[in-house]
């Protein structure tokens, strides 16, 4: 079974605090 893959149009970032470390973190997704 194959599904069509898609990519995002623009970079997206999320900010948060590490669950175990308590350190501020940022994750960024970039288009393919």
N, C-alpha and C. Protein backbone atom coordinates (compact mmCIF):
# COMPACT_ATOMS: atom_id res chain seq x y z
N UNK A 1 0.85 -1.17 0.00
CA UNK A 1 0.00 0.00 0.00
C UNK A 1 0.90 1.25 0.00
N UNK A 2 0.72 2.10 -1.00
CA UNK A 2 1.51 3.32 -1.10
C UNK A 2 0.61 4.53 -0.92
N UNK A 3 1.08 5.46 -0.13
CA UNK A 3 0.37 6.73 0.04
C UNK A 3 1.19 7.82 -0.62
N UNK A 4 0.51 8.78 -1.22
CA UNK A 4 1.22 9.92 -1.80
C UNK A 4 1.84 10.73 -0.67
N UNK A 5 3.08 11.12 -0.86
CA UNK A 5 3.76 11.93 0.14
C UNK A 5 3.60 13.40 -0.23
N UNK A 6 3.58 14.23 0.77
CA UNK A 6 3.47 15.67 0.56
C UNK A 6 4.54 16.36 1.39
N UNK A 7 4.82 17.60 1.05
CA UNK A 7 5.75 18.39 1.82
C UNK A 7 5.05 19.68 2.26
N UNK A 8 5.63 20.34 3.23
CA UNK A 8 5.07 21.61 3.69
C UNK A 8 5.57 22.72 2.78
N UNK A 9 4.85 23.84 2.73
CA UNK A 9 5.23 24.95 1.84
C UNK A 9 6.26 25.86 2.48
N UNK A 10 6.16 26.07 3.78
CA UNK A 10 7.07 26.97 4.48
C UNK A 10 7.63 26.28 5.71
N UNK A 11 8.77 26.78 6.16
CA UNK A 11 9.36 26.25 7.39
C UNK A 11 8.43 26.55 8.57
N UNK A 12 8.34 25.62 9.49
CA UNK A 12 7.53 25.78 10.69
C UNK A 12 8.38 25.47 11.91
N UNK A 13 8.25 26.26 12.95
CA UNK A 13 9.01 26.06 14.18
C UNK A 13 8.08 25.93 15.37
N UNK A 14 8.52 25.15 16.35
CA UNK A 14 7.80 25.00 17.61
C UNK A 14 8.80 25.20 18.74
N UNK A 15 8.39 25.93 19.75
CA UNK A 15 9.24 26.16 20.92
C UNK A 15 8.64 25.45 22.12
N UNK A 16 9.50 25.01 23.02
CA UNK A 16 9.00 24.37 24.22
C UNK A 16 10.13 24.16 25.21
N UNK A 17 9.81 23.47 26.28
CA UNK A 17 10.77 23.17 27.34
C UNK A 17 10.93 21.66 27.41
N UNK A 18 12.18 21.20 27.47
CA UNK A 18 12.46 19.77 27.54
C UNK A 18 11.79 19.14 28.76
N UNK A 19 11.16 18.00 28.55
CA UNK A 19 10.41 17.33 29.61
C UNK A 19 11.31 16.92 30.76
N UNK A 20 12.46 16.33 30.46
CA UNK A 20 13.35 15.83 31.51
C UNK A 20 14.48 16.80 31.84
N UNK A 21 14.87 17.63 30.84
CA UNK A 21 16.01 18.52 31.05
C UNK A 21 15.61 19.91 31.53
N UNK A 22 14.39 20.34 31.18
CA UNK A 22 13.96 21.69 31.54
C UNK A 22 14.61 22.77 30.69
N UNK A 23 15.32 22.36 29.63
CA UNK A 23 16.02 23.30 28.76
C UNK A 23 15.08 23.79 27.65
N UNK A 24 15.14 25.10 27.34
CA UNK A 24 14.36 25.63 26.22
C UNK A 24 14.80 24.96 24.94
N UNK A 25 13.84 24.58 24.10
CA UNK A 25 14.14 23.87 22.86
C UNK A 25 13.31 24.45 21.72
N UNK A 26 13.87 24.36 20.52
CA UNK A 26 13.16 24.78 19.30
C UNK A 26 13.34 23.67 18.28
N UNK A 27 12.24 23.28 17.62
CA UNK A 27 12.32 22.30 16.54
C UNK A 27 11.77 23.00 15.29
N UNK A 28 12.46 22.83 14.17
CA UNK A 28 12.07 23.46 12.92
C UNK A 28 11.93 22.42 11.83
N UNK A 29 10.80 22.46 11.12
CA UNK A 29 10.56 21.58 9.97
C UNK A 29 10.74 22.41 8.71
N UNK A 30 11.54 21.91 7.76
CA UNK A 30 11.80 22.60 6.50
C UNK A 30 11.17 21.82 5.36
N UNK A 31 10.73 22.54 4.30
CA UNK A 31 10.17 21.85 3.14
C UNK A 31 11.22 20.94 2.49
N UNK A 32 10.76 19.87 1.88
CA UNK A 32 11.68 18.95 1.20
C UNK A 32 12.16 19.55 -0.10
